[in-house]
Amino acid sequence: MTYQLTVVYGHPDDPAAFDEHYASTHAPLAAKVPGLLSYTSHRADPGPDGSPADHYLVAVLTFADRDAFAAGFGGPEGKAAVADVPTFATGGATLLSGEVTTYV
């Protein structure tokens, strides 16, 4: 069963610095994790009432299964990507992982 890691980033102290580091350093590091099937991210838009989103950026990394995820993040590429997060995610990062259920 497909397995995903979702990373929810809080609002950074310096959004421009976050964006630069994410695009030029972190995303290329994460893209090298072995077994990765897809890697997407999106910025959180304001709510329907125009209020700011609770989070800044959400990234989703997809693997064939839990074993592929564990192998990818257990290796040097995965460890490098994880170690990089505190260097730019000044608003914090919440990591959620689990098997994917598809409804449509």
N, C-alpha and C. Protein backbone atom coordinates (compact mmCIF):
# COMPACT_ATOMS: atom_id res chain seq x y z
N MET A 1 0.85 -1.18 0.00
CA MET A 1 0.00 0.00 0.00
C MET A 1 0.89 1.24 0.00
N THR A 2 0.53 2.23 -0.80
CA THR A 2 1.29 3.47 -0.89
C THR A 2 1.42 4.12 0.48
N TYR A 3 2.58 4.73 0.71
CA TYR A 3 2.89 5.33 2.01
C TYR A 3 3.34 6.77 1.79
N GLN A 4 2.87 7.69 2.61
CA GLN A 4 3.23 9.10 2.44
C GLN A 4 3.78 9.71 3.72
N LEU A 5 4.70 10.63 3.50
CA LEU A 5 5.17 11.53 4.55
C LEU A 5 4.64 12.90 4.20
N THR A 6 3.91 13.51 5.11
CA THR A 6 3.42 14.87 4.93
C THR A 6 4.14 15.75 5.93
N VAL A 7 4.73 16.84 5.44
CA VAL A 7 5.44 17.78 6.30
C VAL A 7 4.68 19.10 6.26
N VAL A 8 4.23 19.56 7.42
CA VAL A 8 3.47 20.80 7.53
C VAL A 8 4.37 21.83 8.21
N TYR A 9 4.73 22.86 7.46
CA TYR A 9 5.64 23.90 7.96
C TYR A 9 4.86 25.08 8.50
N GLY A 10 5.25 25.54 9.69
CA GLY A 10 4.68 26.75 10.27
C GLY A 10 5.23 27.98 9.57
N HIS A 11 4.63 29.12 9.85
CA HIS A 11 5.08 30.37 9.25
C HIS A 11 6.50 30.70 9.72
N PRO A 12 7.42 30.87 8.77
CA PRO A 12 8.82 31.16 9.14
C PRO A 12 9.00 32.61 9.57
N ASP A 13 10.08 32.85 10.30
CA ASP A 13 10.42 34.22 10.70
C ASP A 13 10.72 35.09 9.49
N ASP A 14 11.37 34.51 8.48
CA ASP A 14 11.76 35.23 7.26
C ASP A 14 11.30 34.41 6.05
N PRO A 15 10.09 34.69 5.54
CA PRO A 15 9.56 33.89 4.43
C PRO A 15 10.47 33.86 3.20
N ALA A 16 11.10 34.97 2.87
CA ALA A 16 11.98 34.99 1.69
C ALA A 16 13.17 34.05 1.88
N ALA A 17 13.75 34.03 3.07
CA ALA A 17 14.88 33.14 3.35
C ALA A 17 14.41 31.68 3.33
N PHE A 18 13.24 31.41 3.88
CA PHE A 18 12.68 30.05 3.85
C PHE A 18 12.52 29.60 2.40
N ASP A 19 11.86 30.44 1.59
CA ASP A 19 11.60 30.09 0.20
C ASP A 19 12.89 29.81 -0.56
N GLU A 20 13.89 30.66 -0.36
CA GLU A 20 15.18 30.49 -1.05
C GLU A 20 15.83 29.17 -0.64
N HIS A 21 15.90 28.91 0.65
CA HIS A 21 16.54 27.68 1.12
C HIS A 21 15.75 26.45 0.68
N TYR A 22 14.44 26.52 0.77
CA TYR A 22 13.62 25.37 0.38
C TYR A 22 13.83 25.02 -1.08
N ALA A 23 13.79 26.03 -1.95
CA ALA A 23 13.91 25.79 -3.38
C ALA A 23 15.32 25.40 -3.81
N SER A 24 16.33 26.04 -3.22
CA SER A 24 17.70 25.81 -3.70
C SER A 24 18.43 24.70 -2.96
N THR A 25 18.02 24.38 -1.74
CA THR A 25 18.76 23.40 -0.94
C THR A 25 17.88 22.23 -0.50
N HIS A 26 16.79 22.52 0.19
CA HIS A 26 16.03 21.43 0.80
C HIS A 26 15.31 20.55 -0.22
N ALA A 27 14.59 21.14 -1.15
CA ALA A 27 13.86 20.32 -2.13
C ALA A 27 14.81 19.43 -2.93
N PRO A 28 15.96 19.94 -3.40
CA PRO A 28 16.89 19.04 -4.09
C PRO A 28 17.41 17.91 -3.20
N LEU A 29 17.64 18.19 -1.91
CA LEU A 29 18.07 17.13 -0.98
C LEU A 29 16.97 16.07 -0.85
N ALA A 30 15.76 16.51 -0.60
CA ALA A 30 14.65 15.58 -0.40
C ALA A 30 14.36 14.78 -1.66
N ALA A 31 14.54 15.38 -2.81
CA ALA A 31 14.27 14.70 -4.08
C ALA A 31 15.23 13.53 -4.32
N LYS A 32 16.34 13.50 -3.60
CA LYS A 32 17.33 12.42 -3.76
C LYS A 32 17.06 11.22 -2.86
N VAL A 33 16.04 11.28 -2.02
CA VAL A 33 15.75 10.16 -1.12
C VAL A 33 15.37 8.94 -1.97
N PRO A 34 16.10 7.83 -1.81
CA PRO A 34 15.80 6.64 -2.60
C PRO A 34 14.38 6.13 -2.35
N GLY A 35 13.76 5.64 -3.42
CA GLY A 35 12.42 5.07 -3.32
C GLY A 35 11.30 6.07 -3.45
N LEU A 36 11.63 7.34 -3.58
CA LEU A 36 10.62 8.39 -3.68
C LEU A 36 9.88 8.28 -5.02
N LEU A 37 8.56 8.16 -4.97
CA LEU A 37 7.76 8.09 -6.19
C LEU A 37 7.30 9.46 -6.65
N SER A 38 6.95 10.31 -5.70
CA SER A 38 6.55 11.68 -6.03
C SER A 38 6.82 12.58 -4.84
N TYR A 39 6.97 13.86 -5.15
CA TYR A 39 7.26 14.87 -4.12
C TYR A 39 6.59 16.15 -4.58
N THR A 40 5.58 16.58 -3.84
CA THR A 40 4.85 17.80 -4.18
C THR A 40 4.80 18.71 -2.96
N SER A 41 4.55 19.98 -3.22
CA SER A 41 4.34 20.92 -2.12
C SER A 41 3.34 21.97 -2.56
N HIS A 42 2.73 22.61 -1.60
CA HIS A 42 1.85 23.74 -1.90
C HIS A 42 1.83 24.70 -0.73
N ARG A 43 1.62 25.95 -1.06
CA ARG A 43 1.47 26.99 -0.04
C ARG A 43 0.03 26.99 0.43
N ALA A 44 -0.14 27.25 1.69
CA ALA A 44 -1.48 27.31 2.25
C ALA A 44 -2.09 28.69 1.95
N ASP A 45 -3.21 28.70 1.25
CA ASP A 45 -3.92 29.94 0.96
C ASP A 45 -4.67 30.42 2.20
N PRO A 46 -5.05 31.70 2.21
CA PRO A 46 -5.89 32.21 3.30
C PRO A 46 -7.21 31.44 3.36
N GLY A 47 -7.84 31.46 4.52
CA GLY A 47 -9.12 30.79 4.69
C GLY A 47 -10.22 31.49 3.90
N PRO A 48 -11.41 30.90 3.84
CA PRO A 48 -12.53 31.49 3.10
C PRO A 48 -12.88 32.89 3.56
N ASP A 49 -12.62 33.19 4.83
CA ASP A 49 -12.92 34.52 5.35
C ASP A 49 -11.75 35.49 5.18
N GLY A 50 -10.68 35.03 4.51
CA GLY A 50 -9.52 35.89 4.29
C GLY A 50 -8.48 35.83 5.40
N SER A 51 -8.77 35.08 6.45
CA SER A 51 -7.81 34.98 7.55
C SER A 51 -6.57 34.20 7.11
N PRO A 52 -5.42 34.53 7.68
CA PRO A 52 -4.19 33.82 7.28
C PRO A 52 -4.29 32.32 7.57
N ALA A 53 -3.67 31.55 6.73
CA ALA A 53 -3.64 30.10 6.93
C ALA A 53 -2.85 29.78 8.20
N ASP A 54 -3.19 28.69 8.84
CA ASP A 54 -2.47 28.26 10.04
C ASP A 54 -1.05 27.82 9.72
N HIS A 55 -0.81 27.39 8.48
CA HIS A 55 0.49 26.86 8.09
C HIS A 55 1.00 27.56 6.84
N TYR A 56 2.29 27.47 6.62
CA TYR A 56 2.93 28.17 5.51
C TYR A 56 3.06 27.29 4.27
N LEU A 57 3.54 26.07 4.45
CA LEU A 57 3.80 25.19 3.31
C LEU A 57 3.52 23.75 3.73
N VAL A 58 3.00 22.97 2.80
CA VAL A 58 2.77 21.54 3.05
C VAL A 58 3.48 20.77 1.94
N ALA A 59 4.30 19.80 2.32
CA ALA A 59 4.99 18.94 1.37
C ALA A 59 4.51 17.50 1.56
N VAL A 60 4.36 16.79 0.45
CA VAL A 60 3.92 15.39 0.49
C VAL A 60 4.90 14.55 -0.32
N LEU A 61 5.50 13.57 0.33
CA LEU A 61 6.44 12.66 -0.31
C LEU A 61 5.81 11.27 -0.31
N THR A 62 5.76 10.64 -1.47
CA THR A 62 5.07 9.37 -1.63
C THR A 62 6.05 8.25 -1.96
N PHE A 63 5.85 7.12 -1.30
CA PHE A 63 6.67 5.92 -1.48
C PHE A 63 5.76 4.73 -1.80
N ALA A 64 6.33 3.67 -2.35
CA ALA A 64 5.55 2.49 -2.71
C ALA A 64 4.90 1.85 -1.48
N ASP A 65 5.63 1.84 -0.36
CA ASP A 65 5.12 1.23 0.86
C ASP A 65 5.96 1.70 2.05
N ARG A 66 5.59 1.23 3.23
CA ARG A 66 6.29 1.66 4.44
C ARG A 66 7.76 1.24 4.42
N ASP A 67 8.05 0.07 3.88
CA ASP A 67 9.43 -0.40 3.83
C ASP A 67 10.29 0.52 2.96
N ALA A 68 9.74 0.96 1.83
CA ALA A 68 10.48 1.87 0.95
C ALA A 68 10.72 3.21 1.65
N PHE A 69 9.72 3.69 2.37
CA PHE A 69 9.86 4.92 3.15
C PHE A 69 10.97 4.77 4.19
N ALA A 70 10.92 3.67 4.96
CA ALA A 70 11.91 3.44 6.01
C ALA A 70 13.31 3.31 5.44
N ALA A 71 13.44 2.62 4.32
CA ALA A 71 14.75 2.47 3.69
C ALA A 71 15.27 3.81 3.18
N GLY A 72 14.40 4.59 2.56
CA GLY A 72 14.80 5.89 2.03
C GLY A 72 15.27 6.84 3.10
N PHE A 73 14.53 6.93 4.19
CA PHE A 73 14.91 7.86 5.25
C PHE A 73 15.93 7.27 6.21
N GLY A 74 16.20 5.97 6.09
CA GLY A 74 17.24 5.36 6.90
C GLY A 74 18.62 5.50 6.29
N GLY A 75 18.66 5.88 5.02
CA GLY A 75 19.94 6.04 4.32
C GLY A 75 20.47 7.46 4.44
N PRO A 76 21.66 7.70 3.88
CA PRO A 76 22.30 9.01 4.02
C PRO A 76 21.51 10.16 3.38
N GLU A 77 20.83 9.91 2.27
CA GLU A 77 20.06 10.97 1.62
C GLU A 77 18.89 11.40 2.49
N GLY A 78 18.18 10.42 3.05
CA GLY A 78 17.05 10.74 3.93
C GLY A 78 17.49 11.43 5.20
N LYS A 79 18.59 10.96 5.77
CA LYS A 79 19.10 11.59 6.99
C LYS A 79 19.54 13.02 6.72
N ALA A 80 20.12 13.28 5.55
CA ALA A 80 20.55 14.64 5.20
C ALA A 80 19.34 15.56 5.06
N ALA A 81 18.27 15.07 4.44
CA ALA A 81 17.07 15.89 4.27
C ALA A 81 16.45 16.22 5.63
N VAL A 82 16.36 15.24 6.51
CA VAL A 82 15.79 15.47 7.85
C VAL A 82 16.66 16.44 8.64
N ALA A 83 17.97 16.27 8.57
CA ALA A 83 18.89 17.15 9.32
C ALA A 83 18.83 18.59 8.82
N ASP A 84 18.43 18.79 7.57
CA ASP A 84 18.37 20.14 7.01
C ASP A 84 17.17 20.94 7.52
N VAL A 85 16.10 20.27 7.91
CA VAL A 85 14.86 20.96 8.29
C VAL A 85 15.07 22.04 9.35
N PRO A 86 15.75 21.78 10.45
CA PRO A 86 15.90 22.84 11.47
C PRO A 86 16.75 24.02 11.02
N THR A 87 17.47 23.89 9.91
CA THR A 87 18.30 25.00 9.46
C THR A 87 17.50 26.11 8.80
N PHE A 88 16.25 25.84 8.41
CA PHE A 88 15.46 26.87 7.73
C PHE A 88 14.02 26.97 8.23
N ALA A 89 13.50 25.94 8.88
CA ALA A 89 12.09 25.90 9.28
C ALA A 89 11.91 26.56 10.64
N THR A 90 12.10 27.87 10.68
CA THR A 90 12.04 28.61 11.94
C THR A 90 10.63 28.62 12.55
N GLY A 91 9.62 28.34 11.74
CA GLY A 91 8.25 28.25 12.26
C GLY A 91 7.87 26.86 12.70
N GLY A 92 8.84 25.95 12.64
CA GLY A 92 8.60 24.56 13.03
C GLY A 92 8.09 23.73 11.87
N ALA A 93 8.15 22.43 12.05
CA ALA A 93 7.67 21.49 11.04
C ALA A 93 7.05 20.29 11.76
N THR A 94 5.87 19.91 11.31
CA THR A 94 5.20 18.73 11.84
C THR A 94 5.24 17.65 10.78
N LEU A 95 5.73 16.47 11.14
CA LEU A 95 5.83 15.35 10.21
C LEU A 95 4.74 14.34 10.53
N LEU A 96 4.00 13.96 9.51
CA LEU A 96 2.93 12.98 9.62
C LEU A 96 3.18 11.90 8.58
N SER A 97 3.07 10.65 8.94
CA SER A 97 3.30 9.59 7.95
C SER A 97 2.29 8.47 8.14
N GLY A 98 1.99 7.80 7.03
CA GLY A 98 1.07 6.67 7.11
C GLY A 98 0.69 6.15 5.75
N GLU A 99 -0.01 5.02 5.77
CA GLU A 99 -0.49 4.41 4.54
C GLU A 99 -1.62 5.26 3.95
N VAL A 100 -1.67 5.28 2.64
CA VAL A 100 -2.63 6.11 1.92
C VAL A 100 -3.88 5.30 1.59
N THR A 101 -5.03 5.88 1.84
CA THR A 101 -6.30 5.32 1.41
C THR A 101 -6.84 6.23 0.32
N THR A 102 -7.14 5.67 -0.83
CA THR A 102 -7.65 6.46 -1.96
C THR A 102 -9.15 6.21 -2.09
N TYR A 103 -9.92 7.28 -2.17
CA TYR A 103 -11.37 7.17 -2.27
C TYR A 103 -11.89 7.45 -3.67
N VAL A 104 -11.20 8.23 -4.44
CA VAL A 104 -11.64 8.54 -5.80
C VAL A 104 -10.46 8.38 -6.72
